[in-house]
Amino acid sequence: MIAGITVCFGLDINTSILTGFVSATLGAGGATILGKTVVSNILKLISGVGTVVGGAISGATAGLITTALGEAYISLMTQIFKGEMSASDIGTEKGKEAMAKLFKEQLKRKKK
């Protein structure tokens, strides 16, 4: 998804840089993700209803994370496209911090 968005904006960025970039971003929102994962896995221990509810929470969490990550990255690419940030900043701390901030903002919006 991230590589596809990058191509849509006409940028050529190394895949290994993007991998590290996404890993750092997901780590920034890790507490939210970890909490939902733990709850869903505990619920799965309850046979029957717990499995269904736990699976629903896991699916919802995955959807939330994917959507928030994609929208945050599109926002970052828009900043680069407008010249507010340089494409070379993506692999740096500046780029990672900007992406982490956008990701956290998107997670907050999606929770509501």
N, C-alpha and C. Protein backbone atom coordinates (compact mmCIF):
# COMPACT_ATOMS: atom_id res chain seq x y z
N MET A 1 0.83 -1.19 0.00
CA MET A 1 0.00 0.00 0.00
C MET A 1 0.88 1.25 0.00
N ILE A 2 1.86 1.27 0.90
CA ILE A 2 2.73 2.44 1.02
C ILE A 2 3.52 2.67 -0.27
N ALA A 3 4.04 1.60 -0.84
CA ALA A 3 4.78 1.72 -2.09
C ALA A 3 3.87 2.23 -3.21
N GLY A 4 2.64 1.75 -3.24
CA GLY A 4 1.68 2.20 -4.25
C GLY A 4 1.36 3.68 -4.12
N ILE A 5 1.19 4.14 -2.90
CA ILE A 5 0.92 5.56 -2.66
C ILE A 5 2.13 6.39 -3.10
N THR A 6 3.32 5.90 -2.79
CA THR A 6 4.54 6.60 -3.16
C THR A 6 4.63 6.77 -4.67
N VAL A 7 4.32 5.70 -5.39
CA VAL A 7 4.35 5.75 -6.86
C VAL A 7 3.31 6.73 -7.39
N CYS A 8 2.13 6.75 -6.78
CA CYS A 8 1.08 7.67 -7.22
C CYS A 8 1.52 9.13 -7.13
N PHE A 9 2.38 9.42 -6.15
CA PHE A 9 2.88 10.78 -5.99
C PHE A 9 4.14 11.02 -6.83
N GLY A 10 4.55 10.01 -7.61
CA GLY A 10 5.67 10.16 -8.52
C GLY A 10 7.03 10.16 -7.87
N LEU A 11 7.13 9.59 -6.67
CA LEU A 11 8.42 9.56 -5.97
C LEU A 11 9.06 8.19 -6.10
N ASP A 12 10.37 8.18 -6.07
CA ASP A 12 11.13 6.95 -6.13
C ASP A 12 11.89 6.82 -4.82
N ILE A 13 11.38 5.99 -3.91
CA ILE A 13 11.98 5.84 -2.60
C ILE A 13 12.32 4.37 -2.39
N ASN A 14 13.48 4.12 -1.83
CA ASN A 14 13.99 2.78 -1.58
C ASN A 14 13.03 1.99 -0.68
N THR A 15 12.77 0.74 -1.04
CA THR A 15 11.85 -0.12 -0.28
C THR A 15 12.33 -0.34 1.15
N SER A 16 13.63 -0.48 1.34
CA SER A 16 14.14 -0.71 2.70
C SER A 16 13.92 0.51 3.58
N ILE A 17 14.00 1.70 2.99
CA ILE A 17 13.72 2.93 3.75
C ILE A 17 12.26 2.95 4.15
N LEU A 18 11.37 2.58 3.22
CA LEU A 18 9.94 2.57 3.52
C LEU A 18 9.60 1.55 4.60
N THR A 19 10.26 0.39 4.57
CA THR A 19 10.02 -0.64 5.57
C THR A 19 10.37 -0.14 6.97
N GLY A 20 11.53 0.45 7.11
CA GLY A 20 11.94 1.01 8.40
C GLY A 20 11.05 2.14 8.83
N PHE A 21 10.64 2.93 7.88
CA PHE A 21 9.77 4.08 8.13
C PHE A 21 8.41 3.62 8.69
N VAL A 22 7.82 2.62 8.06
CA VAL A 22 6.53 2.09 8.51
C VAL A 22 6.68 1.42 9.88
N SER A 23 7.75 0.69 10.09
CA SER A 23 7.99 0.03 11.39
C SER A 23 8.08 1.06 12.50
N ALA A 24 8.78 2.14 12.26
CA ALA A 24 8.90 3.20 13.26
C ALA A 24 7.55 3.85 13.53
N THR A 25 6.76 4.02 12.49
CA THR A 25 5.43 4.63 12.63
C THR A 25 4.51 3.74 13.46
N LEU A 26 4.50 2.46 13.15
CA LEU A 26 3.63 1.54 13.90
C LEU A 26 4.07 1.45 15.35
N GLY A 27 5.36 1.56 15.60
CA GLY A 27 5.86 1.57 16.97
C GLY A 27 5.35 2.77 17.74
N ALA A 28 5.16 3.89 17.05
CA ALA A 28 4.67 5.11 17.70
C ALA A 28 3.24 4.94 18.20
N GLY A 29 2.43 4.18 17.49
CA GLY A 29 1.05 3.94 17.90
C GLY A 29 0.88 2.60 18.58
N GLY A 30 1.98 2.03 19.00
CA GLY A 30 2.01 0.68 19.54
C GLY A 30 1.16 0.41 20.75
N ALA A 31 1.04 1.37 21.65
CA ALA A 31 0.27 1.14 22.88
C ALA A 31 -1.19 0.84 22.57
N THR A 32 -1.76 1.60 21.67
CA THR A 32 -3.16 1.37 21.29
C THR A 32 -3.33 0.01 20.65
N ILE A 33 -2.42 -0.30 19.74
CA ILE A 33 -2.48 -1.56 19.02
C ILE A 33 -2.30 -2.73 19.97
N LEU A 34 -1.32 -2.63 20.85
CA LEU A 34 -1.03 -3.70 21.80
C LEU A 34 -2.22 -3.96 22.72
N GLY A 35 -2.83 -2.91 23.22
CA GLY A 35 -3.99 -3.07 24.11
C GLY A 35 -5.13 -3.81 23.46
N LYS A 36 -5.48 -3.45 22.25
CA LYS A 36 -6.58 -4.12 21.55
C LYS A 36 -6.23 -5.56 21.20
N THR A 37 -4.98 -5.80 20.88
CA THR A 37 -4.55 -7.16 20.55
C THR A 37 -4.65 -8.06 21.77
N VAL A 38 -4.20 -7.56 22.91
CA VAL A 38 -4.26 -8.35 24.15
C VAL A 38 -5.70 -8.68 24.51
N VAL A 39 -6.58 -7.69 24.46
CA VAL A 39 -7.99 -7.91 24.79
C VAL A 39 -8.62 -8.92 23.85
N SER A 40 -8.37 -8.77 22.56
CA SER A 40 -8.98 -9.71 21.59
C SER A 40 -8.48 -11.13 21.80
N ASN A 41 -7.20 -11.27 22.12
CA ASN A 41 -6.66 -12.63 22.34
C ASN A 41 -7.17 -13.24 23.64
N ILE A 42 -7.37 -12.43 24.66
CA ILE A 42 -7.95 -12.95 25.91
C ILE A 42 -9.38 -13.41 25.67
N LEU A 43 -10.14 -12.61 24.91
CA LEU A 43 -11.52 -12.99 24.61
C LEU A 43 -11.59 -14.28 23.80
N LYS A 44 -10.62 -14.52 22.96
CA LYS A 44 -10.60 -15.74 22.14
C LYS A 44 -10.46 -17.00 22.99
N LEU A 45 -10.00 -16.84 24.22
CA LEU A 45 -9.87 -17.99 25.12
C LEU A 45 -11.23 -18.53 25.56
N ILE A 46 -12.24 -17.68 25.49
CA ILE A 46 -13.60 -18.10 25.85
C ILE A 46 -14.20 -18.78 24.62
N SER A 47 -14.53 -20.05 24.76
CA SER A 47 -15.03 -20.77 23.59
C SER A 47 -16.37 -20.21 23.13
N GLY A 48 -16.61 -20.30 21.84
CA GLY A 48 -17.87 -19.84 21.25
C GLY A 48 -17.88 -18.34 21.04
N VAL A 49 -18.63 -17.65 21.89
CA VAL A 49 -18.84 -16.20 21.76
C VAL A 49 -17.52 -15.44 21.84
N GLY A 50 -16.62 -15.83 22.73
CA GLY A 50 -15.34 -15.15 22.87
C GLY A 50 -14.52 -15.18 21.61
N THR A 51 -14.58 -16.29 20.91
CA THR A 51 -13.83 -16.43 19.66
C THR A 51 -14.37 -15.46 18.61
N VAL A 52 -15.68 -15.36 18.52
CA VAL A 52 -16.30 -14.46 17.54
C VAL A 52 -16.00 -13.00 17.90
N VAL A 53 -16.19 -12.63 19.16
CA VAL A 53 -15.95 -11.25 19.59
C VAL A 53 -14.47 -10.91 19.45
N GLY A 54 -13.59 -11.81 19.88
CA GLY A 54 -12.15 -11.58 19.75
C GLY A 54 -11.73 -11.41 18.30
N GLY A 55 -12.29 -12.23 17.42
CA GLY A 55 -11.99 -12.12 15.99
C GLY A 55 -12.48 -10.80 15.41
N ALA A 56 -13.64 -10.35 15.87
CA ALA A 56 -14.19 -9.08 15.39
C ALA A 56 -13.31 -7.91 15.82
N ILE A 57 -12.84 -7.96 17.07
CA ILE A 57 -11.95 -6.89 17.56
C ILE A 57 -10.64 -6.91 16.78
N SER A 58 -10.10 -8.10 16.54
CA SER A 58 -8.84 -8.20 15.78
C SER A 58 -9.01 -7.63 14.38
N GLY A 59 -10.12 -7.97 13.73
CA GLY A 59 -10.38 -7.47 12.38
C GLY A 59 -10.58 -5.97 12.36
N ALA A 60 -11.31 -5.46 13.34
CA ALA A 60 -11.55 -4.02 13.42
C ALA A 60 -10.24 -3.27 13.68
N THR A 61 -9.41 -3.84 14.54
CA THR A 61 -8.12 -3.21 14.84
C THR A 61 -7.23 -3.18 13.61
N ALA A 62 -7.18 -4.27 12.88
CA ALA A 62 -6.37 -4.32 11.66
C ALA A 62 -6.86 -3.30 10.64
N GLY A 63 -8.17 -3.18 10.50
CA GLY A 63 -8.74 -2.20 9.57
C GLY A 63 -8.43 -0.77 9.99
N LEU A 64 -8.54 -0.52 11.29
CA LEU A 64 -8.25 0.80 11.83
C LEU A 64 -6.80 1.19 11.57
N ILE A 65 -5.89 0.27 11.83
CA ILE A 65 -4.46 0.54 11.66
C ILE A 65 -4.12 0.77 10.19
N THR A 66 -4.64 -0.07 9.32
CA THR A 66 -4.36 0.06 7.89
C THR A 66 -4.88 1.38 7.35
N THR A 67 -6.10 1.73 7.71
CA THR A 67 -6.68 2.99 7.23
C THR A 67 -5.92 4.19 7.77
N ALA A 68 -5.63 4.19 9.06
CA ALA A 68 -4.90 5.31 9.67
C ALA A 68 -3.51 5.45 9.06
N LEU A 69 -2.83 4.33 8.84
CA LEU A 69 -1.50 4.36 8.26
C LEU A 69 -1.55 4.92 6.83
N GLY A 70 -2.49 4.44 6.05
CA GLY A 70 -2.62 4.91 4.66
C GLY A 70 -2.94 6.40 4.59
N GLU A 71 -3.88 6.85 5.40
CA GLU A 71 -4.26 8.26 5.35
C GLU A 71 -3.15 9.16 5.88
N ALA A 72 -2.44 8.70 6.90
CA ALA A 72 -1.31 9.48 7.41
C ALA A 72 -0.22 9.59 6.35
N TYR A 73 0.04 8.51 5.65
CA TYR A 73 1.08 8.52 4.62
C TYR A 73 0.67 9.41 3.44
N ILE A 74 -0.59 9.38 3.08
CA ILE A 74 -1.08 10.28 2.02
C ILE A 74 -0.89 11.73 2.44
N SER A 75 -1.17 12.04 3.71
CA SER A 75 -0.97 13.41 4.21
C SER A 75 0.50 13.81 4.12
N LEU A 76 1.39 12.88 4.46
CA LEU A 76 2.82 13.15 4.38
C LEU A 76 3.25 13.37 2.93
N MET A 77 2.77 12.53 2.03
CA MET A 77 3.11 12.67 0.61
C MET A 77 2.58 14.00 0.07
N THR A 78 1.43 14.42 0.55
CA THR A 78 0.86 15.71 0.14
C THR A 78 1.77 16.85 0.59
N GLN A 79 2.31 16.75 1.80
CA GLN A 79 3.24 17.77 2.28
C GLN A 79 4.49 17.82 1.39
N ILE A 80 4.98 16.66 0.99
CA ILE A 80 6.15 16.60 0.11
C ILE A 80 5.81 17.18 -1.26
N PHE A 81 4.64 16.82 -1.78
CA PHE A 81 4.20 17.31 -3.09
C PHE A 81 4.08 18.84 -3.11
N LYS A 82 3.60 19.41 -1.98
CA LYS A 82 3.44 20.86 -1.87
C LYS A 82 4.75 21.58 -1.56
N GLY A 83 5.81 20.82 -1.29
CA GLY A 83 7.10 21.43 -0.98
C GLY A 83 7.27 21.80 0.48
N GLU A 84 6.34 21.36 1.34
CA GLU A 84 6.43 21.66 2.77
C GLU A 84 7.45 20.76 3.46
N MET A 85 7.83 19.69 2.77
CA MET A 85 8.80 18.74 3.29
C MET A 85 9.54 18.15 2.10
N SER A 86 10.75 17.69 2.32
CA SER A 86 11.54 17.11 1.25
C SER A 86 11.39 15.58 1.23
N ALA A 87 11.42 15.00 0.06
CA ALA A 87 11.34 13.53 -0.05
C ALA A 87 12.52 12.87 0.65
N SER A 88 13.64 13.56 0.70
CA SER A 88 14.83 12.99 1.36
C SER A 88 14.66 12.93 2.88
N ASP A 89 13.66 13.62 3.40
CA ASP A 89 13.40 13.60 4.85
C ASP A 89 12.72 12.31 5.31
N ILE A 90 12.18 11.53 4.40
CA ILE A 90 11.41 10.34 4.78
C ILE A 90 12.23 9.37 5.62
N GLY A 91 13.46 9.12 5.27
CA GLY A 91 14.27 8.18 6.02
C GLY A 91 14.94 8.75 7.25
N THR A 92 14.73 10.03 7.52
CA THR A 92 15.39 10.69 8.65
C THR A 92 14.46 10.75 9.86
N GLU A 93 15.00 11.19 10.97
CA GLU A 93 14.19 11.36 12.18
C GLU A 93 13.06 12.35 11.94
N LYS A 94 13.34 13.42 11.20
CA LYS A 94 12.31 14.42 10.91
C LYS A 94 11.11 13.78 10.21
N GLY A 95 11.39 12.95 9.23
CA GLY A 95 10.32 12.28 8.50
C GLY A 95 9.56 11.29 9.36
N LYS A 96 10.30 10.54 10.17
CA LYS A 96 9.66 9.55 11.05
C LYS A 96 8.79 10.23 12.10
N GLU A 97 9.27 11.34 12.65
CA GLU A 97 8.49 12.07 13.64
C GLU A 97 7.23 12.66 13.03
N ALA A 98 7.36 13.21 11.82
CA ALA A 98 6.18 13.77 11.14
C ALA A 98 5.15 12.68 10.87
N MET A 99 5.62 11.52 10.41
CA MET A 99 4.71 10.42 10.11
C MET A 99 4.06 9.88 11.38
N ALA A 100 4.84 9.75 12.45
CA ALA A 100 4.29 9.26 13.72
C ALA A 100 3.19 10.20 14.22
N LYS A 101 3.43 11.49 14.09
CA LYS A 101 2.42 12.48 14.52
C LYS A 101 1.14 12.34 13.69
N LEU A 102 1.31 12.25 12.38
CA LEU A 102 0.14 12.11 11.50
C LEU A 102 -0.60 10.80 11.77
N PHE A 103 0.13 9.73 12.03
CA PHE A 103 -0.47 8.43 12.31
C PHE A 103 -1.29 8.48 13.60
N LYS A 104 -0.73 9.09 14.64
CA LYS A 104 -1.46 9.21 15.91
C LYS A 104 -2.72 10.04 15.74
N GLU A 105 -2.63 11.11 14.95
CA GLU A 105 -3.81 11.94 14.67
C GLU A 105 -4.89 11.13 13.96
N GLN A 106 -4.49 10.34 12.99
CA GLN A 106 -5.45 9.51 12.25
C GLN A 106 -6.08 8.45 13.14
N LEU A 107 -5.28 7.84 14.03
CA LEU A 107 -5.82 6.85 14.96
C LEU A 107 -6.89 7.48 15.85
N LYS A 108 -6.63 8.70 16.34
CA LYS A 108 -7.61 9.39 17.19
C LYS A 108 -8.90 9.66 16.41
N ARG A 109 -8.76 10.10 15.16
CA ARG A 109 -9.94 10.38 14.33
C ARG A 109 -10.76 9.13 14.07
N LYS A 110 -10.08 8.02 13.82
CA LYS A 110 -10.76 6.78 13.46
C LYS A 110 -11.45 6.14 14.66
N LYS A 111 -10.96 6.40 15.86
CA LYS A 111 -11.56 5.82 17.06
C LYS A 111 -12.94 6.40 17.34
N LYS A 112 -13.16 7.63 16.90
CA LYS A 112 -14.43 8.33 17.21
C LYS A 112 -15.56 7.80 16.40
